[in-house]
Amino acid sequence: MNKTEALAAMVEVARIGRGMTPADALTQLGELIAQESPDDPAHDVKVEKLLRLGACIWSLRRGLFLPEPPGRGMEPEAAAPARTREIAPIGTIPARVSHPAAYQPVIPALSTSVHYARAAFTPPETPPPQRP
């Protein structure tokens, strides 16, 4: 199955209502990561891809990349000016605008909470740039 066929199949599975909830998808990803053999030379690359996929699902579930519907945000509707979206530096995710720290590091939080042997993720030498 090529990428186009895989994407079409994913859309069809979602369309007929046979997809997973985000929580179930994250659980399944955890199981796939646990099945990866640490002796496999491609272990780190495979685990990194699965972790990034999980981070995407979690972020979409938490509304970090999608704008909130009108009336559900932290700010009053009348005072909500149009905001431009910034591209976050690699290794960071944008936080809600109302959050005091605009960018939170992704990889260091993962590597300190769970031990991944020989993981490709290591904390950066310097912290990511902070918004003024």
N, C-alpha and C. Protein backbone atom coordinates (compact mmCIF):
# COMPACT_ATOMS: atom_id res chain seq x y z
N MET A 1 0.86 -1.17 0.00
CA MET A 1 0.00 0.00 0.00
C MET A 1 0.91 1.23 0.00
N ASN A 2 0.72 2.11 -0.98
CA ASN A 2 1.53 3.33 -1.03
C ASN A 2 0.91 4.41 -0.13
N LYS A 3 1.58 5.55 -0.04
CA LYS A 3 1.13 6.61 0.88
C LYS A 3 -0.27 7.13 0.53
N THR A 4 -0.54 7.29 -0.77
CA THR A 4 -1.84 7.79 -1.20
C THR A 4 -2.95 6.81 -0.84
N GLU A 5 -2.70 5.52 -1.08
CA GLU A 5 -3.70 4.51 -0.74
C GLU A 5 -3.90 4.44 0.78
N ALA A 6 -2.81 4.57 1.52
CA ALA A 6 -2.92 4.54 2.99
C ALA A 6 -3.74 5.72 3.49
N LEU A 7 -3.50 6.92 2.96
CA LEU A 7 -4.26 8.10 3.37
C LEU A 7 -5.74 7.94 3.01
N ALA A 8 -6.01 7.43 1.81
CA ALA A 8 -7.40 7.22 1.41
C ALA A 8 -8.08 6.21 2.32
N ALA A 9 -7.36 5.16 2.71
CA ALA A 9 -7.92 4.15 3.61
C ALA A 9 -8.19 4.76 4.99
N MET A 10 -7.28 5.62 5.48
CA MET A 10 -7.48 6.27 6.78
C MET A 10 -8.73 7.15 6.76
N VAL A 11 -8.89 7.91 5.69
CA VAL A 11 -10.06 8.79 5.57
C VAL A 11 -11.33 7.95 5.53
N GLU A 12 -11.31 6.84 4.80
CA GLU A 12 -12.50 5.99 4.71
C GLU A 12 -12.83 5.35 6.06
N VAL A 13 -11.82 4.90 6.79
CA VAL A 13 -12.05 4.32 8.12
C VAL A 13 -12.69 5.38 9.04
N ALA A 14 -12.18 6.60 8.98
CA ALA A 14 -12.75 7.68 9.79
C ALA A 14 -14.18 7.99 9.34
N ARG A 15 -14.40 8.01 8.04
CA ARG A 15 -15.71 8.34 7.49
C ARG A 15 -16.78 7.35 7.94
N ILE A 16 -16.43 6.07 8.03
CA ILE A 16 -17.43 5.06 8.43
C ILE A 16 -17.50 4.89 9.95
N GLY A 17 -16.72 5.70 10.67
CA GLY A 17 -16.80 5.70 12.13
C GLY A 17 -16.04 4.58 12.81
N ARG A 18 -15.02 4.04 12.17
CA ARG A 18 -14.26 2.94 12.75
C ARG A 18 -12.91 3.40 13.30
N GLY A 19 -12.70 4.70 13.42
CA GLY A 19 -11.45 5.21 13.97
C GLY A 19 -11.40 5.05 15.48
N MET A 20 -10.26 5.43 16.05
CA MET A 20 -10.07 5.36 17.50
C MET A 20 -10.27 6.74 18.11
N THR A 21 -10.51 6.75 19.40
CA THR A 21 -10.48 8.02 20.12
C THR A 21 -9.02 8.41 20.28
N PRO A 22 -8.72 9.69 20.52
CA PRO A 22 -7.32 10.08 20.73
C PRO A 22 -6.66 9.30 21.88
N ALA A 23 -7.40 9.06 22.95
CA ALA A 23 -6.83 8.31 24.08
C ALA A 23 -6.48 6.89 23.67
N ASP A 24 -7.37 6.25 22.90
CA ASP A 24 -7.08 4.89 22.43
C ASP A 24 -5.90 4.88 21.47
N ALA A 25 -5.80 5.91 20.62
CA ALA A 25 -4.68 6.00 19.69
C ALA A 25 -3.36 6.14 20.44
N LEU A 26 -3.35 6.96 21.49
CA LEU A 26 -2.13 7.12 22.28
C LEU A 26 -1.76 5.82 23.00
N THR A 27 -2.75 5.10 23.48
CA THR A 27 -2.50 3.80 24.12
C THR A 27 -1.90 2.83 23.10
N GLN A 28 -2.47 2.80 21.90
CA GLN A 28 -1.97 1.92 20.85
C GLN A 28 -0.53 2.29 20.47
N LEU A 29 -0.25 3.58 20.38
CA LEU A 29 1.13 4.00 20.08
C LEU A 29 2.09 3.56 21.18
N GLY A 30 1.67 3.65 22.42
CA GLY A 30 2.50 3.17 23.52
C GLY A 30 2.81 1.69 23.39
N GLU A 31 1.81 0.91 22.97
CA GLU A 31 2.02 -0.52 22.77
C GLU A 31 2.98 -0.78 21.60
N LEU A 32 2.84 -0.01 20.52
CA LEU A 32 3.75 -0.16 19.38
C LEU A 32 5.18 0.18 19.77
N ILE A 33 5.36 1.22 20.58
CA ILE A 33 6.70 1.60 21.04
C ILE A 33 7.28 0.49 21.91
N ALA A 34 6.46 -0.08 22.78
CA ALA A 34 6.94 -1.16 23.65
C ALA A 34 7.35 -2.40 22.86
N GLN A 35 6.75 -2.61 21.69
CA GLN A 35 7.07 -3.77 20.86
C GLN A 35 8.37 -3.60 20.08
N GLU A 36 8.86 -2.38 19.97
CA GLU A 36 10.09 -2.14 19.22
C GLU A 36 11.27 -2.78 19.94
N SER A 37 12.10 -3.46 19.18
CA SER A 37 13.27 -4.14 19.75
C SER A 37 14.41 -3.15 19.91
N PRO A 38 14.96 -3.01 21.13
CA PRO A 38 16.10 -2.10 21.33
C PRO A 38 17.34 -2.52 20.56
N ASP A 39 17.40 -3.79 20.13
CA ASP A 39 18.56 -4.28 19.38
C ASP A 39 18.50 -3.91 17.90
N ASP A 40 17.34 -3.49 17.42
CA ASP A 40 17.17 -3.11 16.02
C ASP A 40 17.95 -1.82 15.76
N PRO A 41 18.78 -1.80 14.71
CA PRO A 41 19.55 -0.57 14.41
C PRO A 41 18.65 0.64 14.13
N ALA A 42 17.44 0.40 13.66
CA ALA A 42 16.52 1.51 13.36
C ALA A 42 15.59 1.81 14.54
N HIS A 43 15.87 1.25 15.71
CA HIS A 43 15.01 1.42 16.89
C HIS A 43 14.76 2.89 17.20
N ASP A 44 15.83 3.67 17.30
CA ASP A 44 15.69 5.08 17.69
C ASP A 44 14.86 5.86 16.69
N VAL A 45 15.08 5.62 15.40
CA VAL A 45 14.34 6.34 14.37
C VAL A 45 12.86 5.97 14.43
N LYS A 46 12.56 4.67 14.58
CA LYS A 46 11.17 4.23 14.64
C LYS A 46 10.47 4.78 15.88
N VAL A 47 11.14 4.72 17.03
CA VAL A 47 10.53 5.23 18.26
C VAL A 47 10.31 6.73 18.17
N GLU A 48 11.27 7.44 17.58
CA GLU A 48 11.11 8.89 17.43
C GLU A 48 9.89 9.22 16.59
N LYS A 49 9.70 8.50 15.48
CA LYS A 49 8.53 8.75 14.63
C LYS A 49 7.23 8.48 15.38
N LEU A 50 7.20 7.39 16.14
CA LEU A 50 5.99 7.07 16.90
C LEU A 50 5.73 8.11 17.99
N LEU A 51 6.80 8.57 18.65
CA LEU A 51 6.63 9.61 19.67
C LEU A 51 6.12 10.91 19.07
N ARG A 52 6.64 11.27 17.91
CA ARG A 52 6.18 12.49 17.24
C ARG A 52 4.71 12.37 16.82
N LEU A 53 4.34 11.19 16.34
CA LEU A 53 2.94 10.96 15.99
C LEU A 53 2.05 11.08 17.23
N GLY A 54 2.49 10.50 18.33
CA GLY A 54 1.75 10.62 19.59
C GLY A 54 1.65 12.06 20.05
N ALA A 55 2.74 12.81 19.90
CA ALA A 55 2.72 14.22 20.29
C ALA A 55 1.73 15.00 19.44
N CYS A 56 1.65 14.66 18.16
CA CYS A 56 0.69 15.33 17.27
C CYS A 56 -0.74 15.03 17.71
N ILE A 57 -1.02 13.76 17.99
CA ILE A 57 -2.37 13.38 18.43
C ILE A 57 -2.71 14.08 19.74
N TRP A 58 -1.78 14.08 20.68
CA TRP A 58 -2.02 14.71 21.97
C TRP A 58 -2.25 16.21 21.79
N SER A 59 -1.43 16.85 20.95
CA SER A 59 -1.56 18.29 20.73
C SER A 59 -2.90 18.63 20.09
N LEU A 60 -3.31 17.85 19.11
CA LEU A 60 -4.60 18.11 18.47
C LEU A 60 -5.74 17.88 19.45
N ARG A 61 -5.61 16.87 20.27
CA ARG A 61 -6.64 16.58 21.28
C ARG A 61 -6.74 17.72 22.29
N ARG A 62 -5.62 18.31 22.65
CA ARG A 62 -5.58 19.38 23.64
C ARG A 62 -5.86 20.75 23.02
N GLY A 63 -6.01 20.83 21.71
CA GLY A 63 -6.30 22.10 21.06
C GLY A 63 -5.12 23.04 20.96
N LEU A 64 -3.89 22.50 21.02
CA LEU A 64 -2.72 23.37 20.98
C LEU A 64 -2.44 23.92 19.59
N PHE A 65 -2.83 23.20 18.55
CA PHE A 65 -2.56 23.67 17.19
C PHE A 65 -3.81 24.17 16.49
N LEU A 66 -4.96 23.81 17.01
CA LEU A 66 -6.20 24.25 16.40
C LEU A 66 -6.78 25.42 17.18
N PRO A 67 -7.28 26.44 16.48
CA PRO A 67 -7.90 27.54 17.21
C PRO A 67 -9.18 27.07 17.90
N GLU A 68 -9.44 27.63 19.06
CA GLU A 68 -10.66 27.26 19.78
C GLU A 68 -11.85 27.94 19.13
N PRO A 69 -13.02 27.30 19.17
CA PRO A 69 -14.22 27.92 18.63
C PRO A 69 -14.54 29.23 19.36
N PRO A 70 -15.20 30.18 18.69
CA PRO A 70 -15.54 31.45 19.34
C PRO A 70 -16.33 31.20 20.62
N GLY A 71 -15.99 31.98 21.65
CA GLY A 71 -16.69 31.87 22.92
C GLY A 71 -16.11 30.86 23.88
N ARG A 72 -15.15 30.05 23.44
CA ARG A 72 -14.57 29.04 24.32
C ARG A 72 -13.15 29.39 24.73
N GLY A 73 -12.59 30.47 24.21
CA GLY A 73 -11.22 30.85 24.54
C GLY A 73 -11.11 31.47 25.91
N MET A 74 -9.89 31.84 26.28
CA MET A 74 -9.63 32.44 27.57
C MET A 74 -10.00 33.92 27.60
N GLU A 75 -10.04 34.54 26.42
CA GLU A 75 -10.29 35.98 26.34
C GLU A 75 -11.75 36.22 25.95
N PRO A 76 -12.30 37.37 26.35
CA PRO A 76 -13.66 37.70 25.92
C PRO A 76 -13.71 37.83 24.40
N GLU A 77 -14.84 37.47 23.80
CA GLU A 77 -14.96 37.49 22.35
C GLU A 77 -14.71 38.87 21.76
N ALA A 78 -15.23 39.91 22.38
CA ALA A 78 -15.10 41.26 21.83
C ALA A 78 -13.65 41.72 21.83
N ALA A 79 -12.86 41.27 22.77
CA ALA A 79 -11.48 41.73 22.89
C ALA A 79 -10.49 40.81 22.18
N ALA A 80 -10.97 39.81 21.47
CA ALA A 80 -10.07 38.85 20.83
C ALA A 80 -9.62 39.38 19.46
N PRO A 81 -8.42 40.00 19.39
CA PRO A 81 -7.93 40.47 18.09
C PRO A 81 -7.45 39.29 17.26
N ALA A 82 -7.40 39.49 15.95
CA ALA A 82 -6.88 38.45 15.07
C ALA A 82 -5.38 38.29 15.34
N ARG A 83 -4.96 37.06 15.57
CA ARG A 83 -3.56 36.78 15.88
C ARG A 83 -2.90 36.10 14.70
N THR A 84 -1.66 36.42 14.48
CA THR A 84 -0.91 35.69 13.46
C THR A 84 -0.28 34.48 14.13
N ARG A 85 -0.19 33.40 13.39
CA ARG A 85 0.40 32.18 13.91
C ARG A 85 1.91 32.23 13.70
N GLU A 86 2.65 31.86 14.73
CA GLU A 86 4.10 31.80 14.62
C GLU A 86 4.51 30.35 14.44
N ILE A 87 5.61 30.15 13.75
CA ILE A 87 6.16 28.81 13.61
C ILE A 87 7.10 28.60 14.78
N ALA A 88 6.83 27.56 15.55
CA ALA A 88 7.65 27.28 16.73
C ALA A 88 8.98 26.69 16.32
N PRO A 89 10.05 27.00 17.06
CA PRO A 89 11.34 26.38 16.78
C PRO A 89 11.25 24.87 16.96
N ILE A 90 12.09 24.14 16.25
CA ILE A 90 12.11 22.68 16.36
C ILE A 90 12.38 22.31 17.81
N GLY A 91 11.64 21.33 18.31
CA GLY A 91 11.81 20.88 19.69
C GLY A 91 10.91 21.61 20.67
N THR A 92 10.02 22.46 20.15
CA THR A 92 9.10 23.17 21.03
C THR A 92 7.70 23.05 20.47
N ILE A 93 6.71 23.31 21.30
CA ILE A 93 5.33 23.38 20.84
C ILE A 93 4.76 24.70 21.31
N PRO A 94 3.92 25.33 20.49
CA PRO A 94 3.33 26.58 20.95
C PRO A 94 2.34 26.32 22.07
N ALA A 95 2.40 27.13 23.08
CA ALA A 95 1.44 27.03 24.18
C ALA A 95 0.33 28.04 23.94
N ARG A 96 -0.72 27.99 24.73
CA ARG A 96 -1.78 28.97 24.60
C ARG A 96 -1.20 30.36 24.87
N VAL A 97 -1.77 31.35 24.20
CA VAL A 97 -1.25 32.71 24.33
C VAL A 97 -1.32 33.19 25.77
N SER A 98 -2.31 32.74 26.51
CA SER A 98 -2.44 33.20 27.89
C SER A 98 -1.44 32.55 28.83
N HIS A 99 -0.75 31.53 28.37
CA HIS A 99 0.21 30.83 29.22
C HIS A 99 1.44 31.71 29.42
N PRO A 100 2.00 31.80 30.63
CA PRO A 100 3.13 32.69 30.88
C PRO A 100 4.38 32.33 30.08
N ALA A 101 4.64 31.06 29.87
CA ALA A 101 5.78 30.67 29.05
C ALA A 101 5.22 30.25 27.70
N ALA A 102 5.57 31.00 26.67
CA ALA A 102 4.94 30.78 25.38
C ALA A 102 5.38 29.48 24.70
N TYR A 103 6.55 29.00 25.00
CA TYR A 103 7.02 27.77 24.37
C TYR A 103 7.47 26.80 25.43
N GLN A 104 7.04 25.57 25.30
CA GLN A 104 7.44 24.52 26.23
C GLN A 104 8.28 23.50 25.48
N PRO A 105 9.44 23.10 25.97
CA PRO A 105 10.23 22.09 25.27
C PRO A 105 9.51 20.74 25.29
N VAL A 106 9.55 20.06 24.16
CA VAL A 106 8.86 18.78 24.03
C VAL A 106 9.77 17.64 24.47
N ILE A 107 10.91 17.55 23.85
CA ILE A 107 11.77 16.39 24.04
C ILE A 107 12.32 16.28 25.46
N PRO A 108 12.84 17.34 26.09
CA PRO A 108 13.35 17.18 27.45
C PRO A 108 12.28 16.66 28.42
N ALA A 109 11.05 17.08 28.26
CA ALA A 109 10.00 16.61 29.16
C ALA A 109 9.78 15.12 28.99
N LEU A 110 9.84 14.65 27.75
CA LEU A 110 9.67 13.22 27.50
C LEU A 110 10.84 12.44 28.05
N SER A 111 12.06 12.94 27.82
CA SER A 111 13.23 12.17 28.21
C SER A 111 13.42 12.14 29.72
N THR A 112 12.86 13.11 30.45
CA THR A 112 13.00 13.07 31.90
C THR A 112 11.90 12.26 32.56
N SER A 113 10.74 12.12 31.91
CA SER A 113 9.66 11.38 32.54
C SER A 113 9.72 9.88 32.25
N VAL A 114 10.29 9.50 31.14
CA VAL A 114 10.37 8.09 30.76
C VAL A 114 11.76 7.82 30.22
N HIS A 115 12.34 6.71 30.60
CA HIS A 115 13.69 6.37 30.15
C HIS A 115 13.59 5.60 28.83
N TYR A 116 14.17 6.15 27.77
CA TYR A 116 14.25 5.46 26.49
C TYR A 116 15.72 5.15 26.25
N ALA A 117 16.06 3.88 26.32
CA ALA A 117 17.46 3.48 26.15
C ALA A 117 17.95 3.91 24.78
N ARG A 118 19.08 4.56 24.79
CA ARG A 118 19.72 5.05 23.56
C ARG A 118 18.78 5.87 22.70
N ALA A 119 17.87 6.59 23.30
CA ALA A 119 16.90 7.37 22.53
C ALA A 119 17.60 8.47 21.75
N ALA A 120 16.99 8.82 20.63
CA ALA A 120 17.54 9.88 19.80
C ALA A 120 17.26 11.25 20.38
N PHE A 121 16.45 11.30 21.43
CA PHE A 121 16.06 12.56 22.02
C PHE A 121 16.98 12.91 23.17
N THR A 122 17.63 14.02 23.07
CA THR A 122 18.44 14.51 24.17
C THR A 122 18.10 15.98 24.36
N PRO A 123 18.17 16.48 25.59
CA PRO A 123 17.88 17.90 25.80
C PRO A 123 18.85 18.77 25.00
N PRO A 124 18.39 19.88 24.46
CA PRO A 124 19.28 20.76 23.70
C PRO A 124 20.33 21.38 24.62
N GLU A 125 21.45 21.76 24.01
CA GLU A 125 22.54 22.40 24.75
C GLU A 125 22.08 23.75 25.31
N THR A 126 21.32 24.48 24.51
CA THR A 126 20.82 25.78 24.95
C THR A 126 19.29 25.72 24.95
N PRO A 127 18.65 26.42 25.86
CA PRO A 127 17.19 26.40 25.88
C PRO A 127 16.62 27.08 24.64
N PRO A 128 15.40 26.72 24.25
CA PRO A 128 14.79 27.35 23.08
C PRO A 128 14.54 28.83 23.35
N PRO A 129 14.51 29.65 22.30
CA PRO A 129 14.27 31.08 22.50
C PRO A 129 12.91 31.33 23.10
N GLN A 130 12.84 32.31 23.98
CA GLN A 130 11.59 32.68 24.63
C GLN A 130 11.01 33.90 23.95
N ARG A 131 9.70 33.99 23.95
CA ARG A 131 9.04 35.17 23.38
C ARG A 131 9.27 36.37 24.30
N PRO A 132 9.39 37.56 23.72
CA PRO A 132 9.58 38.75 24.58
C PRO A 132 8.35 39.06 25.40
